[in-house]
Amino acid sequence: MYPDLEGKVAIVTGAGRRKGLGEAIARKLAEDGVKLVLHDLGETKGDMAPAHGVGASEEMAAVAEELRAINPHVSTFQADMREEAQVAAMVAHAVETYGKLDILVNNAGVGYLFGPLVDATQEMWDTVLNVNLRGAFFAMKHSVRQMLKQEIQEGWGRGRIVSIGSRGSKSGSALTSSYIASKHGIVGLTRSAAIELGPEQITVNAVCPNHVTTGLGSWQNEYMAKARGQTVEEYLAAMRSRIPLGRVGEPSDTANACAFLCSGQARYITGEAMNVSGGEEMH
């Protein structure tokens, strides 16, 4: 638990799905007394935003209601991260609801438009890069504008930005070219923003998990296993064999790292891309 997070205000994007990374991050912050805005796209939009990749508005509302049993201060906001006006409105909603914004967790992302590079379409490429990277930039831009209006809090600073990268922020993999490019971009954006915002006492970090079997993660397992001619269990066994700690990631692993980076204990940490991979990634 991090007592200095009590009463802070956070936006967690891509938090509208049960058992997803966003839900786990929001739950951990709620336990620490953080007032929350949960975001998700809220509706399917054809092949580029199918049901297995989107938190529907009804599911996001249900997640929020569950979290209110822990912390009554949980709001929701539906937005397309590719549209700057909608992202700006999300930040405005947080400020209108809670009076300030202390924390942004950039978690929204597309992790399902996979396939051979030679078969990728411009629409697929643009969707992944525009949600994963452009959306993170928009959220960062408008959150920082608000944070700069606020006073520096002794022992904590002025703001926290944590973006969810991936093991794919550090290493490549087949069939995921646009995803890997976007996650490498998250680390570059994080490092540049950390240098720029350090003098303002706003820390900017990334968390880089390896595979986590969320609902979307289960779809990824099935897709990758089929592409490799394996059963899902064979695919997961091979994955576990590469991980020194012998298991795939859990949502709480990433959530715990995010909460630490949001706390005062991490006030001297910025520009980092923290691996949460059981030792699978070490650079």
C-alpha atoms as a PDB file:
ATOM      1  CA  MET A   1       0.000   0.000   0.000  1.00  0.00           C
ATOM      2  CA  TYR A   2       1.139   3.529  -0.774  1.00  0.00           C
ATOM      3  CA  PRO A   3      -0.481   6.011   1.655  1.00  0.00           C
ATOM      4  CA  ASP A   4       0.692   9.032  -0.337  1.00  0.00           C
ATOM      5  CA  LEU A   5      -1.605   8.008  -3.201  1.00  0.00           C
ATOM      6  CA  GLU A   6      -4.704   8.626  -1.069  1.00  0.00           C
ATOM      7  CA  GLY A   7      -6.828  11.305  -2.734  1.00  0.00           C
ATOM      8  CA  LYS A   8      -4.809  11.462  -5.946  1.00  0.00           C
ATOM      9  CA  VAL A   9      -6.743  11.519  -9.238  1.00  0.00           C
ATOM     10  CA  ALA A  10      -5.877   9.168 -12.099  1.00  0.00           C
ATOM     11  CA  ILE A  11      -7.022   8.354 -15.607  1.00  0.00           C
ATOM     12  CA  VAL A  12      -6.467   4.731 -16.656  1.00  0.00           C
ATOM     13  CA  THR A  13      -7.062   4.250 -20.367  1.00  0.00           C
ATOM     14  CA  GLY A  14      -8.178   0.918 -21.788  1.00  0.00           C
ATOM     15  CA  ALA A  15      -9.656  -0.103 -18.437  1.00  0.00           C
ATOM     16  CA  GLY A  16     -13.091  -1.262 -19.507  1.00  0.00           C
ATOM     17  CA  ARG A  17     -12.571  -5.030 -19.667  1.00  0.00           C
ATOM     18  CA  ARG A  18     -12.814  -7.495 -16.799  1.00  0.00           C
ATOM     19  CA  LYS A  19      -9.524  -9.262 -16.036  1.00  0.00           C
ATOM     20  CA  GLY A  20      -7.611  -6.909 -18.324  1.00  0.00           C
ATOM     21  CA  LEU A  21      -4.432  -5.025 -17.484  1.00  0.00           C
ATOM     22  CA  GLY A  22      -6.337  -1.760 -17.226  1.00  0.00           C
ATOM     23  CA  GLU A  23      -8.826  -3.208 -14.765  1.00  0.00           C
ATOM     24  CA  ALA A  24      -6.009  -4.626 -12.629  1.00  0.00           C
ATOM     25  CA  ILE A  25      -4.147  -1.304 -12.611  1.00  0.00           C
ATOM     26  CA  ALA A  26      -7.309   0.588 -11.710  1.00  0.00           C
ATOM     27  CA  ARG A  27      -8.112  -1.905  -8.945  1.00  0.00           C
ATOM     28  CA  LYS A  28      -4.675  -1.514  -7.384  1.00  0.00           C
ATOM     29  CA  LEU A  29      -4.898   2.282  -7.492  1.00  0.00           C
ATOM     30  CA  ALA A  30      -8.424   2.180  -6.049  1.00  0.00           C
ATOM     31  CA  GLU A  31      -7.116   0.117  -3.149  1.00  0.00           C
ATOM     32  CA  ASP A  32      -4.602   2.884  -2.483  1.00  0.00           C
ATOM     33  CA  GLY A  33      -7.348   5.517  -2.364  1.00  0.00           C
ATOM     34  CA  VAL A  34      -6.910   6.994  -5.841  1.00  0.00           C
ATOM     35  CA  LYS A  35      -9.946   8.624  -7.471  1.00  0.00           C
ATOM     36  CA  LEU A  36     -10.366   7.122 -10.916  1.00  0.00           C
ATOM     37  CA  VAL A  37     -11.555   7.783 -14.420  1.00  0.00           C
ATOM     38  CA  LEU A  38     -11.807   4.520 -16.356  1.00  0.00           C
ATOM     39  CA  HIS A  39     -11.614   4.828 -20.116  1.00  0.00           C
ATOM     40  CA  ASP A  40     -12.359   2.551 -23.035  1.00  0.00           C
ATOM     41  CA  LEU A  41     -13.583   2.806 -26.614  1.00  0.00           C
ATOM     42  CA  GLY A  42     -16.976   1.532 -25.499  1.00  0.00           C
ATOM     43  CA  GLU A  43     -18.158  -0.037 -28.762  1.00  0.00           C
ATOM     44  CA  THR A  44     -16.978  -2.325 -31.529  1.00  0.00           C
ATOM     45  CA  LYS A  45     -16.045  -0.746 -34.851  1.00  0.00           C
ATOM     46  CA  GLY A  46     -15.710  -3.454 -37.484  1.00  0.00           C
ATOM     47  CA  ASP A  47     -12.617  -5.569 -38.039  1.00  0.00           C
ATOM     48  CA  MET A  48     -10.280  -2.900 -36.649  1.00  0.00           C
ATOM     49  CA  ALA A  49     -12.034  -2.865 -33.255  1.00  0.00           C
ATOM     50  CA  PRO A  50     -13.666  -6.294 -32.699  1.00  0.00           C
ATOM     51  CA  ALA A  51     -15.352  -7.536 -29.549  1.00  0.00           C
ATOM     52  CA  HIS A  52     -12.286  -9.408 -28.267  1.00  0.00           C
ATOM     53  CA  GLY A  53     -10.246  -6.184 -28.360  1.00  0.00           C
ATOM     54  CA  VAL A  54     -12.661  -3.560 -27.041  1.00  0.00           C
ATOM     55  CA  GLY A  55     -14.189  -2.807 -23.680  1.00  0.00           C
ATOM     56  CA  ALA A  56     -17.891  -2.209 -24.371  1.00  0.00           C
ATOM     57  CA  SER A  57     -19.625   0.563 -22.447  1.00  0.00           C
ATOM     58  CA  GLU A  58     -21.723  -1.971 -20.499  1.00  0.00           C
ATOM     59  CA  GLU A  59     -18.663  -3.930 -19.415  1.00  0.00           C
ATOM     60  CA  MET A  60     -16.807  -0.752 -18.435  1.00  0.00           C
ATOM     61  CA  ALA A  61     -19.798   0.334 -16.341  1.00  0.00           C
ATOM     62  CA  ALA A  62     -19.785  -3.057 -14.620  1.00  0.00           C
ATOM     63  CA  VAL A  63     -16.045  -2.812 -13.883  1.00  0.00           C
ATOM     64  CA  ALA A  64     -16.577   0.659 -12.417  1.00  0.00           C
ATOM     65  CA  GLU A  65     -19.401  -0.589 -10.213  1.00  0.00           C
ATOM     66  CA  GLU A  66     -17.224  -3.413  -8.894  1.00  0.00           C
ATOM     67  CA  LEU A  67     -14.402  -0.994  -8.100  1.00  0.00           C
ATOM     68  CA  ARG A  68     -16.762   1.336  -6.241  1.00  0.00           C
ATOM     69  CA  ALA A  69     -17.034  -1.393  -3.606  1.00  0.00           C
ATOM     70  CA  ILE A  70     -13.358  -0.613  -2.912  1.00  0.00           C
ATOM     71  CA  ASN A  71     -13.402   3.131  -3.554  1.00  0.00           C
ATOM     72  CA  PRO A  72     -16.575   5.119  -4.281  1.00  0.00           C
ATOM     73  CA  HIS A  73     -14.735   7.623  -6.491  1.00  0.00           C
ATOM     74  CA  VAL A  74     -14.801   5.845  -9.851  1.00  0.00           C
ATOM     75  CA  SER A  75     -16.032   7.505 -13.032  1.00  0.00           C
ATOM     76  CA  THR A  76     -16.063   6.316 -16.657  1.00  0.00           C
ATOM     77  CA  PHE A  77     -15.418   7.971 -19.994  1.00  0.00           C
ATOM     78  CA  GLN A  78     -15.842   6.617 -23.512  1.00  0.00           C
ATOM     79  CA  ALA A  79     -13.399   7.943 -26.140  1.00  0.00           C
ATOM     80  CA  ASP A  80     -11.547   7.024 -29.308  1.00  0.00           C
ATOM     81  CA  MET A  81      -7.863   7.503 -28.512  1.00  0.00           C
ATOM     82  CA  ARG A  82      -7.180   8.346 -32.164  1.00  0.00           C
ATOM     83  CA  GLU A  83      -9.232  11.544 -31.889  1.00  0.00           C
ATOM     84  CA  GLU A  84      -7.496  14.375 -30.052  1.00  0.00           C
ATOM     85  CA  ALA A  85     -10.699  16.234 -29.216  1.00  0.00           C
ATOM     86  CA  GLN A  86     -12.111  13.152 -27.503  1.00  0.00           C
ATOM     87  CA  VAL A  87      -8.913  12.615 -25.510  1.00  0.00           C
ATOM     88  CA  ALA A  88      -8.900  16.272 -24.450  1.00  0.00           C
ATOM     89  CA  ALA A  89     -12.523  15.865 -23.346  1.00  0.00           C
ATOM     90  CA  MET A  90     -11.529  12.850 -21.247  1.00  0.00           C
ATOM     91  CA  VAL A  91      -8.955  14.920 -19.375  1.00  0.00           C
ATOM     92  CA  ALA A  92     -11.484  17.726 -18.939  1.00  0.00           C
ATOM     93  CA  HIS A  93     -13.956  15.201 -17.517  1.00  0.00           C
ATOM     94  CA  ALA A  94     -11.430  14.108 -14.891  1.00  0.00           C
ATOM     95  CA  VAL A  95     -10.814  17.705 -13.822  1.00  0.00           C
ATOM     96  CA  GLU A  96     -14.502  18.584 -13.815  1.00  0.00           C
ATOM     97  CA  THR A  97     -15.301  15.490 -11.750  1.00  0.00           C
ATOM     98  CA  TYR A  98     -12.455  15.585  -9.229  1.00  0.00           C
ATOM     99  CA  GLY A  99     -10.907  19.037  -9.510  1.00  0.00           C
ATOM    100  CA  LYS A 100      -7.443  17.989 -10.673  1.00  0.00           C
ATOM    101  CA  LEU A 101      -5.406  15.279 -12.407  1.00  0.00           C
ATOM    102  CA  ASP A 102      -2.318  13.743 -10.810  1.00  0.00           C
ATOM    103  CA  ILE A 103      -1.741  10.482 -12.699  1.00  0.00           C
ATOM    104  CA  LEU A 104      -2.118   9.237 -16.244  1.00  0.00           C
ATOM    105  CA  VAL A 105      -1.771   5.537 -17.032  1.00  0.00           C
ATOM    106  CA  ASN A 106      -1.581   5.031 -20.799  1.00  0.00           C
ATOM    107  CA  ASN A 107      -2.827   1.462 -21.117  1.00  0.00           C
ATOM    108  CA  ALA A 108      -5.195   1.567 -24.127  1.00  0.00           C
ATOM    109  CA  GLY A 109      -3.823  -0.381 -27.032  1.00  0.00           C
ATOM    110  CA  VAL A 110      -4.458  -2.628 -30.012  1.00  0.00           C
ATOM    111  CA  GLY A 111      -2.863  -6.045 -29.565  1.00  0.00           C
ATOM    112  CA  TYR A 112      -4.829  -8.140 -32.015  1.00  0.00           C
ATOM    113  CA  LEU A 113      -4.111  -6.976 -35.592  1.00  0.00           C
ATOM    114  CA  PHE A 114      -1.425  -9.564 -36.208  1.00  0.00           C
ATOM    115  CA  GLY A 115      -0.218 -11.337 -39.336  1.00  0.00           C
ATOM    116  CA  PRO A 116       2.588 -11.493 -41.885  1.00  0.00           C
ATOM    117  CA  LEU A 117       4.151  -8.164 -42.743  1.00  0.00           C
ATOM    118  CA  VAL A 118       3.484  -8.707 -46.446  1.00  0.00           C
ATOM    119  CA  ASP A 119      -0.251  -9.117 -45.784  1.00  0.00           C
ATOM    120  CA  ALA A 120      -0.650  -6.085 -43.513  1.00  0.00           C
ATOM    121  CA  THR A 121      -2.879  -3.316 -44.859  1.00  0.00           C
ATOM    122  CA  GLN A 122      -2.481   0.410 -44.382  1.00  0.00           C
ATOM    123  CA  GLU A 123      -5.658   0.385 -42.300  1.00  0.00           C
ATOM    124  CA  MET A 124      -4.206  -2.230 -39.949  1.00  0.00           C
ATOM    125  CA  TRP A 125      -0.908  -0.365 -39.610  1.00  0.00           C
ATOM    126  CA  ASP A 126      -2.613   2.986 -39.047  1.00  0.00           C
ATOM    127  CA  THR A 127      -5.044   1.564 -36.491  1.00  0.00           C
ATOM    128  CA  VAL A 128      -2.277   0.044 -34.350  1.00  0.00           C
ATOM    129  CA  LEU A 129       0.059   3.050 -34.504  1.00  0.00           C
ATOM    130  CA  ASN A 130      -2.726   5.574 -34.050  1.00  0.00           C
ATOM    131  CA  VAL A 131      -4.224   3.911 -30.976  1.00  0.00           C
ATOM    132  CA  ASN A 132      -1.052   2.656 -29.314  1.00  0.00           C
ATOM    133  CA  LEU A 133       1.243   5.606 -29.943  1.00  0.00           C
ATOM    134  CA  ARG A 134      -0.680   8.627 -31.189  1.00  0.00           C
ATOM    135  CA  GLY A 135      -3.353   8.069 -28.536  1.00  0.00           C
ATOM    136  CA  ALA A 136      -0.712   7.851 -25.802  1.00  0.00           C
ATOM    137  CA  PHE A 137       0.780  11.109 -27.070  1.00  0.00           C
ATOM    138  CA  PHE A 138      -2.604  12.870 -27.053  1.00  0.00           C
ATOM    139  CA  ALA A 139      -3.323  11.682 -23.510  1.00  0.00           C
ATOM    140  CA  MET A 140       0.114  12.743 -22.338  1.00  0.00           C
ATOM    141  CA  LYS A 141      -0.147  16.157 -23.991  1.00  0.00           C
ATOM    142  CA  HIS A 142      -3.481  17.080 -22.452  1.00  0.00           C
ATOM    143  CA  SER A 143      -2.756  15.536 -19.058  1.00  0.00           C
ATOM    144  CA  VAL A 144       0.504  17.464 -18.796  1.00  0.00           C
ATOM    145  CA  ARG A 145      -1.255  20.710 -19.669  1.00  0.00           C
ATOM    146  CA  GLN A 146      -3.437  20.180 -16.609  1.00  0.00           C
ATOM    147  CA  MET A 147      -0.607  18.987 -14.358  1.00  0.00           C
ATOM    148  CA  LEU A 148       1.406  22.129 -15.107  1.00  0.00           C
ATOM    149  CA  LYS A 149      -1.420  24.219 -13.634  1.00  0.00           C
ATOM    150  CA  GLN A 150      -1.123  22.410 -10.302  1.00  0.00           C
ATOM    151  CA  GLU A 151       1.220  22.985  -7.384  1.00  0.00           C
ATOM    152  CA  ILE A 152       4.177  20.731  -6.677  1.00  0.00           C
ATOM    153  CA  GLN A 153       3.312  18.379  -3.799  1.00  0.00           C
ATOM    154  CA  GLU A 154       6.174  17.991  -1.338  1.00  0.00           C
ATOM    155  CA  GLY A 155       7.684  14.514  -1.436  1.00  0.00           C
ATOM    156  CA  TRP A 156       5.670  13.538  -4.492  1.00  0.00           C
ATOM    157  CA  GLY A 157       5.984  16.127  -7.247  1.00  0.00           C
ATOM    158  CA  ARG A 158       3.507  17.529  -9.721  1.00  0.00           C
ATOM    159  CA  GLY A 159       2.415  14.501 -11.728  1.00  0.00           C
ATOM    160  CA  ARG A 160       2.979  10.935 -12.813  1.00  0.00           C
ATOM    161  CA  ILE A 161       2.728   9.433 -16.290  1.00  0.00           C
ATOM    162  CA  VAL A 162       3.054   5.680 -16.742  1.00  0.00           C
ATOM    163  CA  SER A 163       2.664   4.147 -20.196  1.00  0.00           C
ATOM    164  CA  ILE A 164       2.240   0.429 -20.743  1.00  0.00           C
ATOM    165  CA  GLY A 165       4.853  -0.804 -23.145  1.00  0.00           C
ATOM    166  CA  SER A 166       5.677  -4.453 -23.672  1.00  0.00           C
ATOM    167  CA  ARG A 167       8.491  -6.909 -23.971  1.00  0.00           C
ATOM    168  CA  GLY A 168       7.879  -5.863 -27.558  1.00  0.00           C
ATOM    169  CA  SER A 169       9.233  -2.437 -26.609  1.00  0.00           C
ATOM    170  CA  LYS A 170      12.670  -4.040 -26.359  1.00  0.00           C
ATOM    171  CA  SER A 171      12.645  -7.028 -28.747  1.00  0.00           C
ATOM    172  CA  GLY A 172      11.011  -8.019 -32.011  1.00  0.00           C
ATOM    173  CA  SER A 173       8.759 -10.936 -32.874  1.00  0.00           C
ATOM    174  CA  ALA A 174       7.204 -12.379 -36.002  1.00  0.00           C
ATOM    175  CA  LEU A 175       3.679 -11.475 -37.131  1.00  0.00           C
ATOM    176  CA  THR A 176       3.506  -8.343 -34.971  1.00  0.00           C
ATOM    177  CA  SER A 177       5.392  -5.658 -36.901  1.00  0.00           C
ATOM    178  CA  SER A 178       3.001  -2.762 -36.287  1.00  0.00           C
ATOM    179  CA  TYR A 179       2.530  -3.668 -32.613  1.00  0.00           C
ATOM    180  CA  ILE A 180       6.286  -3.905 -32.035  1.00  0.00           C
ATOM    181  CA  ALA A 181       6.872  -0.592 -33.812  1.00  0.00           C
ATOM    182  CA  SER A 182       4.246   1.118 -31.646  1.00  0.00           C
ATOM    183  CA  LYS A 183       5.647  -0.278 -28.405  1.00  0.00           C
ATOM    184  CA  HIS A 184       9.209   0.714 -29.302  1.00  0.00           C
ATOM    185  CA  GLY A 185       7.740   4.158 -29.928  1.00  0.00           C
ATOM    186  CA  ILE A 186       6.227   4.262 -26.436  1.00  0.00           C
ATOM    187  CA  VAL A 187       9.715   3.964 -24.936  1.00  0.00           C
ATOM    188  CA  GLY A 188      11.068   6.745 -27.138  1.00  0.00           C
ATOM    189  CA  LEU A 189       8.161   9.007 -26.234  1.00  0.00           C
ATOM    190  CA  THR A 190       8.643   8.185 -22.546  1.00  0.00           C
ATOM    191  CA  ARG A 191      12.341   9.034 -22.560  1.00  0.00           C
ATOM    192  CA  SER A 192      11.920  12.293 -24.445  1.00  0.00           C
ATOM    193  CA  ALA A 193       9.012  13.442 -22.278  1.00  0.00           C
ATOM    194  CA  ALA A 194      10.923  12.547 -19.099  1.00  0.00           C
ATOM    195  CA  ILE A 195      13.761  14.876 -20.084  1.00  0.00           C
ATOM    196  CA  GLU A 196      11.387  17.680 -20.974  1.00  0.00           C
ATOM    197  CA  LEU A 197       9.131  17.355 -17.939  1.00  0.00           C
ATOM    198  CA  GLY A 198      11.699  16.541 -15.265  1.00  0.00           C
ATOM    199  CA  PRO A 199      12.255  20.215 -14.369  1.00  0.00           C
ATOM    200  CA  GLU A 200       8.492  20.475 -13.786  1.00  0.00           C
ATOM    201  CA  GLN A 201       8.611  17.553 -11.332  1.00  0.00           C
ATOM    202  CA  ILE A 202       6.506  15.307 -13.561  1.00  0.00           C
ATOM    203  CA  THR A 203       7.913  11.804 -13.874  1.00  0.00           C
ATOM    204  CA  VAL A 204       7.379   9.780 -17.044  1.00  0.00           C
ATOM    205  CA  ASN A 205       7.997   6.041 -17.120  1.00  0.00           C
ATOM    206  CA  ALA A 206       6.962   2.915 -18.992  1.00  0.00           C
ATOM    207  CA  VAL A 207       6.194  -0.576 -17.730  1.00  0.00           C
ATOM    208  CA  CYS A 208       7.116  -3.402 -20.109  1.00  0.00           C
ATOM    209  CA  PRO A 209       5.369  -6.688 -19.306  1.00  0.00           C
ATOM    210  CA  ASN A 210       5.850  -9.899 -21.193  1.00  0.00           C
ATOM    211  CA  HIS A 211       2.805 -11.929 -22.187  1.00  0.00           C
ATOM    212  CA  VAL A 212      -0.137 -11.715 -19.791  1.00  0.00           C
ATOM    213  CA  THR A 213      -3.066 -14.076 -20.327  1.00  0.00           C
ATOM    214  CA  THR A 214      -5.948 -11.640 -20.019  1.00  0.00           C
ATOM    215  CA  GLY A 215      -9.066 -12.048 -22.142  1.00  0.00           C
ATOM    216  CA  LEU A 216      -7.189 -10.565 -25.087  1.00  0.00           C
ATOM    217  CA  GLY A 217      -4.153 -12.581 -24.071  1.00  0.00           C
ATOM    218  CA  SER A 218      -6.140 -15.788 -24.473  1.00  0.00           C
ATOM    219  CA  TRP A 219      -7.002 -14.767 -28.025  1.00  0.00           C
ATOM    220  CA  GLN A 220      -3.307 -14.037 -28.641  1.00  0.00           C
ATOM    221  CA  ASN A 221      -2.369 -17.489 -27.336  1.00  0.00           C
ATOM    222  CA  GLU A 222      -4.782 -19.176 -29.731  1.00  0.00           C
ATOM    223  CA  TYR A 223      -3.650 -17.071 -32.681  1.00  0.00           C
ATOM    224  CA  MET A 224       0.083 -17.592 -32.112  1.00  0.00           C
ATOM    225  CA  ALA A 225      -0.275 -21.288 -31.333  1.00  0.00           C
ATOM    226  CA  LYS A 226      -2.176 -21.863 -34.574  1.00  0.00           C
ATOM    227  CA  ALA A 227       0.389 -19.828 -36.538  1.00  0.00           C
ATOM    228  CA  ARG A 228       3.163 -22.052 -35.154  1.00  0.00           C
ATOM    229  CA  GLY A 229       1.307 -25.320 -35.636  1.00  0.00           C
ATOM    230  CA  GLN A 230       1.104 -25.903 -31.873  1.00  0.00           C
ATOM    231  CA  THR A 231      -1.595 -26.479 -29.316  1.00  0.00           C
ATOM    232  CA  VAL A 232      -2.150 -23.614 -26.901  1.00  0.00           C
ATOM    233  CA  GLU A 233      -0.565 -25.650 -24.106  1.00  0.00           C
ATOM    234  CA  GLU A 234       2.493 -26.376 -26.249  1.00  0.00           C
ATOM    235  CA  TYR A 235       2.780 -22.690 -27.060  1.00  0.00           C
ATOM    236  CA  LEU A 236       2.503 -21.690 -23.380  1.00  0.00           C
ATOM    237  CA  ALA A 237       4.945 -24.400 -22.286  1.00  0.00           C
ATOM    238  CA  ALA A 238       7.525 -23.073 -24.740  1.00  0.00           C
ATOM    239  CA  MET A 239       6.926 -19.564 -23.412  1.00  0.00           C
ATOM    240  CA  ARG A 240       7.359 -20.652 -19.791  1.00  0.00           C
ATOM    241  CA  SER A 241      10.612 -22.400 -20.686  1.00  0.00           C
ATOM    242  CA  ARG A 242      12.084 -19.036 -21.753  1.00  0.00           C
ATOM    243  CA  ILE A 243      11.132 -17.272 -18.526  1.00  0.00           C
ATOM    244  CA  PRO A 244      13.553 -17.686 -15.598  1.00  0.00           C
ATOM    245  CA  LEU A 245      10.737 -17.426 -13.045  1.00  0.00           C
ATOM    246  CA  GLY A 246       8.859 -20.170 -14.896  1.00  0.00           C
ATOM    247  CA  ARG A 247       5.442 -18.593 -15.439  1.00  0.00           C
ATOM    248  CA  VAL A 248       3.709 -16.091 -17.680  1.00  0.00           C
ATOM    249  CA  GLY A 249       2.777 -12.692 -16.311  1.00  0.00           C
ATOM    250  CA  GLU A 250      -0.325 -11.930 -14.297  1.00  0.00           C
ATOM    251  CA  PRO A 251      -2.259  -8.631 -14.431  1.00  0.00           C
ATOM    252  CA  SER A 252      -1.335  -7.907 -10.811  1.00  0.00           C
ATOM    253  CA  ASP A 253       2.383  -7.977 -11.695  1.00  0.00           C
ATOM    254  CA  THR A 254       1.940  -5.012 -14.021  1.00  0.00           C
ATOM    255  CA  ALA A 255      -0.507  -3.290 -11.663  1.00  0.00           C
ATOM    256  CA  ASN A 256       1.958  -3.459  -8.770  1.00  0.00           C
ATOM    257  CA  ALA A 257       4.721  -1.925 -10.897  1.00  0.00           C
ATOM    258  CA  CYS A 258       2.414   0.908 -11.964  1.00  0.00           C
ATOM    259  CA  ALA A 259       1.363   1.683  -8.394  1.00  0.00           C
ATOM    260  CA  PHE A 260       4.998   1.850  -7.294  1.00  0.00           C
ATOM    261  CA  LEU A 261       5.888   4.250 -10.112  1.00  0.00           C
ATOM    262  CA  CYS A 262       2.915   6.430  -9.150  1.00  0.00           C
ATOM    263  CA  SER A 263       3.938   6.560  -5.499  1.00  0.00           C
ATOM    264  CA  GLY A 264       6.281   8.919  -3.708  1.00  0.00           C
ATOM    265  CA  GLN A 265       8.752   6.069  -3.343  1.00  0.00           C
ATOM    266  CA  ALA A 266       9.449   6.429  -7.079  1.00  0.00           C
ATOM    267  CA  ARG A 267       9.847  10.211  -7.080  1.00  0.00           C
ATOM    268  CA  TYR A 268      13.490   9.933  -8.282  1.00  0.00           C
ATOM    269  CA  ILE A 269      12.689   7.513 -11.109  1.00  0.00           C
ATOM    270  CA  THR A 270      11.946   8.898 -14.567  1.00  0.00           C
ATOM    271  CA  GLY A 271      12.627   7.950 -18.168  1.00  0.00           C
ATOM    272  CA  GLU A 272      12.687   4.247 -17.307  1.00  0.00           C
ATOM    273  CA  ALA A 273      11.211   1.328 -19.236  1.00  0.00           C
ATOM    274  CA  MET A 274      10.754  -1.154 -16.382  1.00  0.00           C
ATOM    275  CA  ASN A 275      10.669  -4.811 -17.386  1.00  0.00           C
ATOM    276  CA  VAL A 276       8.017  -6.919 -15.653  1.00  0.00           C
ATOM    277  CA  SER A 277       8.782 -10.156 -17.417  1.00  0.00           C
ATOM    278  CA  GLY A 278       9.973 -12.745 -14.916  1.00  0.00           C
ATOM    279  CA  GLY A 279      13.467 -12.301 -16.349  1.00  0.00           C
ATOM    280  CA  GLU A 280      12.500 -12.997 -19.960  1.00  0.00           C
ATOM    281  CA  GLU A 281      13.637  -9.496 -20.934  1.00  0.00           C
ATOM    282  CA  MET A 282      16.739  -8.050 -19.228  1.00  0.00           C
ATOM    283  CA  HIS A 283      17.647  -4.885 -21.101  1.00  0.00           C
END
